[in-house]
Protein backbone atom coordinates (compact mmCIF):
# COMPACT_ATOMS: atom_id res chain seq x y z
CA MET A 1 79.85 -72.56 -118.63
CA ARG A 2 81.76 -74.85 -120.98
CA SER A 3 81.67 -78.58 -120.31
CA VAL A 4 84.83 -80.24 -119.05
CA LEU A 5 83.92 -83.51 -120.78
CA ALA A 6 83.28 -81.80 -124.09
CA ARG A 7 86.81 -80.44 -123.93
CA VAL A 8 88.69 -83.56 -122.89
CA LEU A 9 86.33 -86.16 -124.41
CA ALA A 10 86.05 -87.87 -121.02
CA ILE A 11 88.92 -90.25 -121.63
CA SER A 12 90.70 -89.57 -118.34
CA PRO A 13 89.42 -90.37 -114.84
CA SER A 14 90.59 -86.90 -113.81
CA PRO A 15 90.96 -83.85 -116.08
CA ALA A 16 94.03 -82.92 -114.01
CA LEU A 17 95.85 -85.91 -115.49
CA LEU A 18 95.72 -84.19 -118.86
CA LEU A 19 98.16 -81.56 -117.55
CA ALA A 20 101.09 -83.97 -117.26
CA SER A 21 104.13 -82.94 -119.25
CA ALA A 22 107.38 -84.73 -120.10
CA LEU A 23 109.69 -85.25 -123.03
CA VAL A 24 108.71 -87.67 -125.73
CA GLY A 25 111.56 -90.05 -126.51
CA VAL A 26 112.24 -90.75 -130.17
CA ASP A 27 114.01 -93.90 -131.27
CA ALA A 28 116.67 -92.13 -133.34
CA ALA A 29 118.14 -95.43 -134.48
CA SER A 30 115.01 -96.03 -136.53
CA CYS A 31 115.78 -92.97 -138.73
CA PRO A 32 118.33 -93.24 -141.57
CA ALA A 33 121.32 -91.04 -140.63
CA GLN A 34 121.20 -88.98 -143.79
CA ASP A 35 117.56 -88.05 -143.22
CA ALA A 36 117.52 -87.84 -139.43
CA ALA A 37 116.84 -84.11 -139.41
CA THR A 38 113.77 -84.28 -141.61
CA ALA A 39 112.42 -87.82 -141.85
CA ALA A 40 109.54 -88.91 -139.65
CA PRO A 41 110.74 -91.71 -137.38
CA SER A 42 109.23 -95.13 -137.96
CA ALA A 43 109.06 -95.78 -134.24
CA VAL A 44 108.60 -93.77 -131.06
CA ALA A 45 109.69 -94.98 -127.62
CA LEU A 46 108.12 -93.70 -124.41
CA THR A 47 109.14 -94.57 -120.87
CA VAL A 48 105.94 -95.07 -118.89
CA LYS A 49 105.57 -94.98 -115.11
CA VAL A 50 103.36 -97.48 -113.29
CA SER A 51 102.79 -96.17 -109.77
CA ALA A 52 101.46 -99.45 -108.39
CA ASP A 53 100.80 -102.95 -109.67
CA ARG A 54 97.82 -102.75 -112.03
CA PRO A 55 95.69 -105.47 -113.62
CA ALA A 56 95.43 -106.11 -117.31
CA GLY A 57 92.83 -104.04 -119.14
CA PRO A 58 92.30 -100.64 -120.76
CA ALA A 59 95.15 -98.16 -120.40
CA LEU A 60 95.42 -94.44 -121.12
CA LEU A 61 98.55 -92.34 -121.52
CA VAL A 62 98.31 -88.62 -122.32
CA VAL A 63 101.51 -86.98 -123.58
CA PRO A 64 102.39 -83.54 -124.95
CA ALA A 65 102.09 -83.23 -128.71
CA ASP A 66 105.44 -83.65 -130.45
CA PRO A 67 106.43 -83.76 -134.14
CA ALA A 68 107.73 -87.28 -133.58
CA LEU A 69 104.16 -88.39 -132.94
CA ASP A 70 102.65 -86.70 -136.02
CA PRO A 71 102.83 -89.78 -138.30
CA LEU A 72 101.06 -91.86 -135.65
CA VAL A 73 98.44 -89.15 -135.11
CA ALA A 74 97.84 -88.98 -138.86
CA ALA A 75 97.43 -92.76 -139.04
CA GLY A 76 95.20 -92.84 -135.95
CA THR A 77 96.54 -96.25 -134.91
CA ALA A 78 99.93 -97.60 -133.89
CA VAL A 79 101.14 -101.06 -132.94
CA THR A 80 103.66 -102.33 -130.40
CA PRO A 81 106.29 -104.96 -131.27
CA GLN A 82 104.08 -107.43 -129.39
CA GLY A 83 101.19 -106.71 -131.76
CA THR A 84 99.04 -104.64 -129.38
CA LEU A 85 97.00 -101.98 -131.16
CA VAL A 86 97.26 -98.45 -129.75
CA GLN A 87 94.70 -95.81 -130.68
CA VAL A 88 96.26 -92.36 -131.18
CA ASP A 89 94.08 -89.24 -130.86
CA ARG A 90 95.23 -85.61 -130.97
CA GLN A 91 93.57 -83.34 -128.42
CA GLY A 92 94.77 -79.78 -128.72
CA GLU A 93 98.34 -79.66 -127.43
CA GLU A 94 98.25 -83.27 -126.24
CA VAL A 95 98.02 -86.75 -127.68
CA ALA A 96 96.00 -89.52 -126.05
CA LEU A 97 97.28 -93.08 -126.43
CA ARG A 98 94.84 -95.86 -125.57
CA TRP A 99 95.31 -99.60 -125.64
CA VAL A 100 94.24 -102.75 -123.83
CA ALA A 101 97.08 -104.21 -121.76
CA GLU A 102 96.85 -107.97 -122.11
CA GLN A 103 99.02 -108.66 -119.06
CA PRO A 104 99.21 -107.07 -115.61
CA LEU A 105 101.73 -104.24 -115.30
CA PRO A 106 104.00 -104.32 -112.25
CA ALA A 107 104.97 -101.14 -110.43
CA GLY A 108 107.97 -99.43 -111.97
CA THR A 109 108.62 -98.31 -115.53
CA PHE A 110 108.40 -99.90 -118.94
CA ASP A 111 109.18 -98.85 -122.49
CA LEU A 112 106.21 -98.40 -124.79
CA ARG A 113 107.46 -98.64 -128.36
CA LEU A 114 104.99 -97.48 -131.02
CA GLU A 115 105.28 -98.25 -134.71
CA LEU A 116 103.12 -97.57 -137.74
CA LEU A 117 100.89 -100.41 -138.83
CA PRO A 118 102.31 -102.50 -141.66
CA ALA A 119 101.15 -101.46 -145.12
CA GLY A 120 97.81 -103.00 -145.93
CA ALA A 121 96.88 -103.79 -142.34
CA THR A 122 93.18 -103.12 -141.75
CA PRO A 123 92.13 -103.74 -138.15
CA THR A 124 88.45 -103.96 -137.33
CA VAL A 125 87.20 -100.61 -136.07
CA PHE A 126 84.24 -99.19 -134.19
CA ARG A 127 81.72 -97.13 -136.17
CA PHE A 128 78.59 -95.12 -135.47
CA GLU A 129 75.34 -95.26 -137.40
CA ASP A 130 72.58 -92.73 -136.78
CA THR A 131 68.90 -93.37 -137.43
CA PRO A 132 65.99 -91.17 -136.30
CA GLY A 133 66.05 -91.06 -132.51
CA ARG A 134 68.88 -93.57 -132.20
CA ARG A 135 72.66 -93.80 -132.32
CA HIS A 136 74.06 -97.28 -132.97
CA LEU A 137 77.62 -98.32 -132.12
CA LEU A 138 79.10 -101.31 -133.90
CA HIS A 139 82.51 -102.96 -133.85
CA GLY A 140 82.82 -104.26 -137.37
CA SER A 141 79.45 -105.94 -137.89
CA ARG A 142 78.89 -106.64 -134.18
CA ARG A 143 76.38 -104.40 -132.42
CA VAL A 144 77.62 -102.91 -129.14
CA TYR A 145 74.90 -100.51 -127.96
CA VAL A 146 72.05 -98.31 -129.08
CA LEU A 147 71.58 -94.86 -127.59
CA GLU A 148 67.83 -94.23 -127.49
CA HIS A 149 67.49 -90.44 -127.52
CA ALA A 150 64.17 -89.59 -129.20
CA PHE A 151 61.99 -87.07 -127.38
CA GLU A 152 58.48 -87.11 -128.85
CA PRO A 153 56.03 -85.91 -126.17
CA ALA A 154 53.13 -85.49 -128.58
CA ARG A 155 53.40 -89.04 -129.88
CA ASN A 156 54.88 -90.98 -126.96
CA GLN A 157 55.72 -88.99 -123.82
CA GLU A 158 56.17 -92.02 -121.56
CA GLY A 159 58.32 -93.91 -124.03
CA THR A 160 60.69 -91.03 -124.82
CA TYR A 161 61.01 -88.92 -121.66
CA LYS A 162 64.67 -89.80 -121.07
CA PRO A 163 67.66 -91.05 -123.08
CA PHE A 164 69.41 -94.31 -122.21
CA HIS A 165 71.79 -96.90 -123.62
CA GLU A 166 70.55 -100.36 -124.58
CA ILE A 167 73.42 -102.84 -124.36
CA ALA A 168 73.63 -105.52 -127.04
CA ALA A 169 73.64 -109.18 -126.11
CA LEU A 170 76.77 -111.21 -126.80
CA HIS A 171 75.04 -114.40 -127.88
CA ASP A 172 72.10 -113.29 -130.03
CA ASP A 173 70.62 -110.25 -131.78
CA GLY A 174 68.76 -108.98 -128.70
CA PHE A 175 69.77 -106.84 -125.74
CA VAL A 176 70.86 -107.67 -122.20
CA THR A 177 68.97 -104.60 -120.94
CA LYS A 178 65.32 -103.54 -120.81
CA GLY A 179 63.90 -100.59 -122.71
CA ALA A 180 60.64 -98.71 -122.13
CA GLY A 181 57.67 -100.74 -120.91
CA GLY A 182 57.63 -103.88 -118.82
CA HIS A 183 57.93 -103.85 -115.06
CA PHE A 184 58.92 -100.34 -113.94
CA THR A 185 58.92 -98.65 -117.34
CA HIS A 186 61.21 -95.88 -116.10
CA HIS A 187 64.02 -98.44 -115.66
CA ARG A 188 65.77 -98.42 -119.02
CA GLY A 189 69.11 -99.90 -119.99
CA LEU A 190 71.99 -97.91 -118.58
CA PHE A 191 70.41 -94.72 -117.25
CA VAL A 192 70.82 -91.75 -114.89
CA GLY A 193 68.50 -89.67 -112.70
CA TRP A 194 67.55 -88.44 -109.24
CA ASN A 195 63.97 -88.56 -108.02
CA LYS A 196 64.46 -85.55 -105.72
CA THR A 197 66.18 -82.79 -107.65
CA GLN A 198 65.68 -79.77 -105.42
CA VAL A 199 66.36 -76.21 -106.59
CA GLN A 200 67.31 -73.78 -103.85
CA GLY A 201 64.45 -71.36 -103.24
CA GLY A 202 61.81 -73.55 -104.88
CA GLY A 203 61.25 -76.34 -107.35
CA ASN A 204 61.41 -80.09 -106.78
CA TYR A 205 61.69 -82.35 -109.82
CA ASP A 206 61.65 -86.11 -110.32
CA PHE A 207 64.11 -87.00 -113.08
CA TRP A 208 64.03 -90.70 -112.19
CA HIS A 209 60.37 -91.48 -112.91
CA CYS A 210 60.00 -88.27 -114.97
CA ARG A 211 56.67 -87.46 -113.33
CA ASP A 212 54.62 -84.26 -113.62
CA GLY A 213 56.04 -83.44 -117.03
CA ALA A 214 59.71 -83.62 -116.03
CA SER A 215 61.96 -84.97 -118.79
CA GLN A 216 65.55 -85.50 -119.82
CA ARG A 217 65.88 -84.17 -123.36
CA TRP A 218 68.74 -85.13 -125.63
CA LYS A 219 69.99 -82.05 -127.47
CA GLU A 220 72.98 -82.98 -129.63
CA HIS A 221 76.02 -85.12 -130.21
CA LEU A 222 78.92 -82.97 -129.05
CA THR A 223 81.79 -85.05 -130.33
CA GLU A 224 82.79 -88.57 -131.22
CA ARG A 225 85.85 -90.68 -131.99
CA ALA A 226 86.02 -94.25 -133.19
CA GLY A 227 88.98 -96.51 -133.85
CA PRO A 228 90.04 -100.13 -133.38
CA VAL A 229 90.61 -99.90 -129.62
CA CYS A 230 87.70 -97.78 -128.39
CA ALA A 231 84.91 -95.42 -129.35
CA ASP A 232 83.76 -92.25 -127.57
CA SER A 233 80.43 -90.51 -127.92
CA VAL A 234 79.63 -87.36 -125.95
CA GLU A 235 76.03 -86.14 -125.71
CA ARG A 236 74.43 -82.94 -124.44
CA ILE A 237 71.24 -83.52 -122.43
CA ASP A 238 69.00 -81.08 -120.57
CA TRP A 239 66.89 -82.07 -117.56
CA CYS A 240 63.77 -80.01 -118.07
CA ALA A 241 60.69 -78.87 -116.17
CA LYS A 242 57.22 -79.40 -117.64
CA ASP A 243 57.42 -76.14 -119.58
CA GLY A 244 60.68 -77.21 -121.21
CA ALA A 245 62.90 -74.88 -119.19
CA PRO A 246 66.22 -76.58 -118.34
CA VAL A 247 66.89 -77.26 -114.66
CA VAL A 248 70.14 -79.23 -114.96
CA HIS A 249 72.61 -79.38 -117.83
CA GLU A 250 74.28 -82.72 -118.46
CA VAL A 251 77.08 -83.93 -120.70
CA ARG A 252 77.09 -87.73 -120.88
CA SER A 253 80.08 -89.57 -122.31
CA ILE A 254 80.43 -93.28 -122.92
CA THR A 255 83.63 -94.96 -124.07
CA ALA A 256 83.33 -98.50 -125.36
CA TRP A 257 86.55 -100.57 -125.30
CA GLN A 258 87.27 -103.57 -127.49
CA VAL A 259 88.55 -105.94 -124.83
CA ALA A 260 87.37 -109.34 -126.07
CA THR A 261 84.53 -110.84 -128.08
CA ASP A 262 82.93 -112.35 -124.97
CA ARG A 263 82.40 -109.05 -123.17
CA HIS A 264 81.57 -105.35 -123.45
CA LEU A 265 83.41 -102.77 -121.36
CA PHE A 266 82.10 -99.21 -120.99
CA ASP A 267 83.54 -96.22 -119.17
CA VAL A 268 80.78 -93.72 -118.42
CA ALA A 269 81.26 -90.08 -117.40
CA ILE A 270 78.36 -87.85 -116.35
CA GLU A 271 78.95 -84.12 -115.94
CA LEU A 272 76.19 -82.10 -114.24
CA TRP A 273 75.72 -78.41 -113.41
CA PRO A 274 72.78 -76.08 -112.66
CA ALA A 275 71.05 -74.42 -115.58
CA GLY A 276 70.36 -71.35 -113.43
CA GLU A 277 72.00 -69.41 -110.61
CA GLN A 278 70.62 -71.48 -107.71
CA ARG A 279 72.24 -74.39 -105.93
CA ILE A 280 70.64 -77.74 -106.74
CA ALA A 281 70.52 -80.64 -104.27
CA LEU A 282 70.46 -84.11 -105.83
CA ARG A 283 68.62 -86.22 -103.28
CA GLY A 284 66.56 -89.38 -103.16
CA ASP A 285 67.23 -92.94 -102.12
CA PRO A 286 69.29 -95.84 -103.48
CA GLN A 287 66.29 -97.35 -105.25
CA HIS A 288 65.40 -94.19 -107.17
CA ALA A 289 68.56 -92.22 -107.93
CA GLY A 290 72.05 -92.47 -109.38
CA CYS A 291 73.59 -94.27 -112.35
CA GLN A 292 72.02 -97.70 -112.68
CA PHE A 293 71.67 -100.74 -114.93
CA ARG A 294 68.43 -102.58 -115.64
CA ALA A 295 68.62 -106.11 -116.99
CA ALA A 296 66.21 -107.40 -119.62
CA GLU A 297 62.58 -108.03 -118.69
CA ASP A 298 63.16 -111.80 -118.83
CA VAL A 299 65.33 -111.48 -115.72
CA HIS A 300 62.34 -110.09 -113.80
CA GLN A 301 60.41 -113.25 -114.65
CA ALA A 302 63.22 -115.47 -113.31
CA GLN A 303 64.52 -113.27 -110.50
CA GLY A 304 64.73 -116.21 -108.11
CA ASP A 305 67.82 -117.29 -110.06
CA THR A 306 69.55 -113.89 -109.82
CA VAL A 307 72.71 -113.77 -107.70
CA TYR A 308 74.71 -110.71 -106.58
CA VAL A 309 78.39 -110.62 -105.71
CA ARG A 310 79.70 -107.81 -103.49
CA PRO A 311 83.06 -107.06 -101.86
CA ASP A 312 83.70 -108.26 -98.33
CA SER A 313 83.61 -104.62 -97.18
CA ALA A 314 79.89 -104.30 -98.02
CA ARG A 315 77.58 -103.93 -95.06
CA GLY A 316 73.84 -103.57 -94.69
CA GLY A 317 71.48 -105.40 -96.99
CA ASP A 318 68.18 -104.12 -95.60
CA ASN A 319 65.84 -103.45 -98.51
CA ASP A 320 68.66 -104.50 -100.86
CA VAL A 321 70.76 -101.44 -99.93
CA TRP A 322 74.49 -101.84 -99.25
CA GLN A 323 77.11 -99.40 -97.95
CA ASP A 324 80.92 -99.26 -98.11
CA LEU A 325 81.40 -100.72 -101.57
CA ASP A 326 82.57 -99.34 -104.90
CA TRP A 327 81.30 -102.20 -107.06
CA ALA A 328 78.66 -104.88 -107.34
CA MET A 329 78.10 -107.70 -109.81
CA ILE A 330 74.86 -109.34 -110.92
CA ARG A 331 74.73 -112.87 -112.33
CA TYR A 332 71.72 -113.93 -114.39
CA ARG A 333 70.62 -116.22 -117.19
CA LEU A 334 69.08 -114.70 -120.31
CA ARG A 335 67.68 -116.62 -123.26
CA GLY A 336 69.91 -119.61 -122.55
CA GLN A 337 73.09 -117.63 -121.85
CA ASP A 338 74.67 -116.92 -118.45
CA TYR A 339 75.78 -113.31 -117.96
CA ASP A 340 77.83 -111.41 -115.39
CA VAL A 341 77.49 -107.61 -115.22
CA VAL A 342 79.88 -105.54 -113.10
CA HIS A 343 79.08 -101.94 -112.10
CA VAL A 344 81.96 -99.88 -110.65
CA SER A 345 81.77 -96.41 -109.07
CA HIS A 346 85.04 -94.45 -109.25
CA THR A 347 86.61 -93.64 -105.90
CA GLU A 348 86.64 -89.92 -106.84
CA ASN A 349 82.82 -89.86 -106.99
CA PRO A 350 81.02 -88.21 -104.05
CA ARG A 351 80.98 -90.33 -100.93
CA PRO A 352 79.62 -92.38 -99.28
CA SER A 353 79.34 -95.08 -101.91
CA VAL A 354 76.00 -96.91 -101.75
CA TYR A 355 74.57 -99.63 -104.02
CA SER A 356 71.03 -100.88 -104.54
CA THR A 357 70.79 -104.46 -105.83
CA ARG A 358 67.29 -105.67 -106.73
CA ALA A 359 66.75 -109.33 -107.62
CA TYR A 360 64.78 -108.43 -110.76
CA GLY A 361 67.93 -106.92 -112.29
CA ARG A 362 68.05 -103.22 -111.46
CA PHE A 363 71.21 -102.22 -109.64
CA GLY A 364 73.70 -99.40 -109.45
CA SER A 365 75.43 -96.65 -107.53
CA PHE A 366 73.76 -93.88 -105.51
CA GLN A 367 75.23 -90.62 -104.22
CA GLU A 368 73.73 -87.45 -102.79
CA PHE A 369 75.48 -84.13 -103.41
CA ASP A 370 74.90 -80.50 -104.39
CA LEU A 371 75.44 -78.81 -107.73
CA GLU A 372 76.87 -75.32 -107.33
CA PRO A 373 76.15 -72.52 -109.84
CA GLY A 374 78.98 -72.06 -112.32
CA LYS A 375 80.66 -75.34 -111.33
CA SER A 376 80.24 -78.85 -112.62
CA THR A 377 80.47 -82.25 -110.96
CA VAL A 378 81.75 -85.24 -112.92
CA LEU A 379 80.73 -88.79 -111.98
CA ARG A 380 82.57 -91.78 -113.42
CA TYR A 381 81.55 -95.41 -113.69
CA ARG A 382 82.64 -98.59 -115.43
CA VAL A 383 80.20 -101.25 -116.60
CA VAL A 384 81.37 -104.66 -117.81
CA VAL A 385 78.90 -107.04 -119.49
CA ALA A 386 80.34 -110.51 -120.03
CA LYS A 387 79.42 -114.08 -120.72
CA ARG A 388 79.84 -116.16 -117.58
CA SER A 389 82.50 -118.21 -119.37
CA ALA A 390 84.72 -115.10 -119.59
CA GLY A 391 85.50 -115.48 -115.91
CA VAL A 392 85.31 -111.78 -115.11
CA ASP A 393 86.49 -110.92 -111.61
CA PRO A 394 84.70 -107.81 -110.27
CA ALA A 395 87.44 -106.78 -107.84
CA THR A 396 90.00 -106.90 -110.65
CA GLU A 397 87.73 -104.87 -112.94
CA ALA A 398 87.32 -102.25 -110.21
CA ALA A 399 91.07 -102.04 -109.63
CA ALA A 400 91.73 -101.71 -113.36
CA PHE A 401 89.25 -98.84 -113.60
CA GLN A 402 90.94 -96.89 -110.82
CA ALA A 403 94.33 -97.49 -112.51
CA LEU A 404 93.25 -96.54 -116.04
CA ALA A 405 95.56 -93.53 -116.48
CA LEU A 406 99.34 -93.90 -116.71
CA THR A 407 101.99 -91.17 -116.84
CA LEU A 408 105.39 -90.68 -118.40
CA ALA A 409 108.37 -91.40 -116.21
CA ASP A 410 110.27 -88.37 -114.90
């Protein structure tokens, strides 16, 4: 089967949102009358619907392709009269517009006016650099993350048995996450796995600890986009048995948004489907399955200072397991800097929503569900890494994630 995320680049919280259609409004007054029939307009105006009050933060609007948008698509970046940069990406018969709303948007409609950047304007952009076994994302000269994807079983099986993202620190040249080694070597950066991956009719694999020869093997970069507002990278990964035969196919997408210099914001999408014709049950427990974040090893040494923040709805707490919550935030100090990290599970993910929150810095979302042959399941998460001084509010970040996609007004 063909991956959904590979087709839509994982920029929408629901592929169905990409089917929206409406007319694109062109600001005809911006075209000289004598050339109105042929000249590309210098501005495009869209009337955007906001279904409910939404916080400031990343925004996505997908519209049908239209000749009026072609100059903006060719440029790759537009700007609003208020100076907000808008990234413009063509996707087949549609155009994706992405920007960071600096103010909350009230319910109702608003006009989004897009203009070409002034001549000579050169905004700072994201860029990828590839080295053996690694993909680096930078925004200008600032490191954002490193995707560790080497698989070298002959040289270093334990150190390379699964890919993960190391998140760059905001105050020095290190990372806020832990790589291979240290306490619980299988906890690595931002990572994914289930310790009980059960194939109908036989076969039980541990893709959390990657025991008994199980591995997650990076295969290829499927697609990428990078601009001034955000950067997408989509990877193909196979979860393999000891003999190398794939058990689960995965497409993992991560979108990094340029929100502010004192924080990173990542939208993660994980698409999974069986490699064979048997149903696969993803099972385990909140400590050993799901999409999780592991803080740097230094946090383990000072875990008495770690604090978690959870919504009032959260219940439980036995063995650090919590139910009825879609987000959690860890607060820790690392190499002299205070950090807050928010992990959000999208409300469209399989339910119930459960979080594990260990004091040493490993926390994240856990779900149990089945993968059906010929069908894929997409899981979506947001991770915000910020300096404490940024004043990040986890409930606001969660609400902004759920409200990412906007639509054109009728």
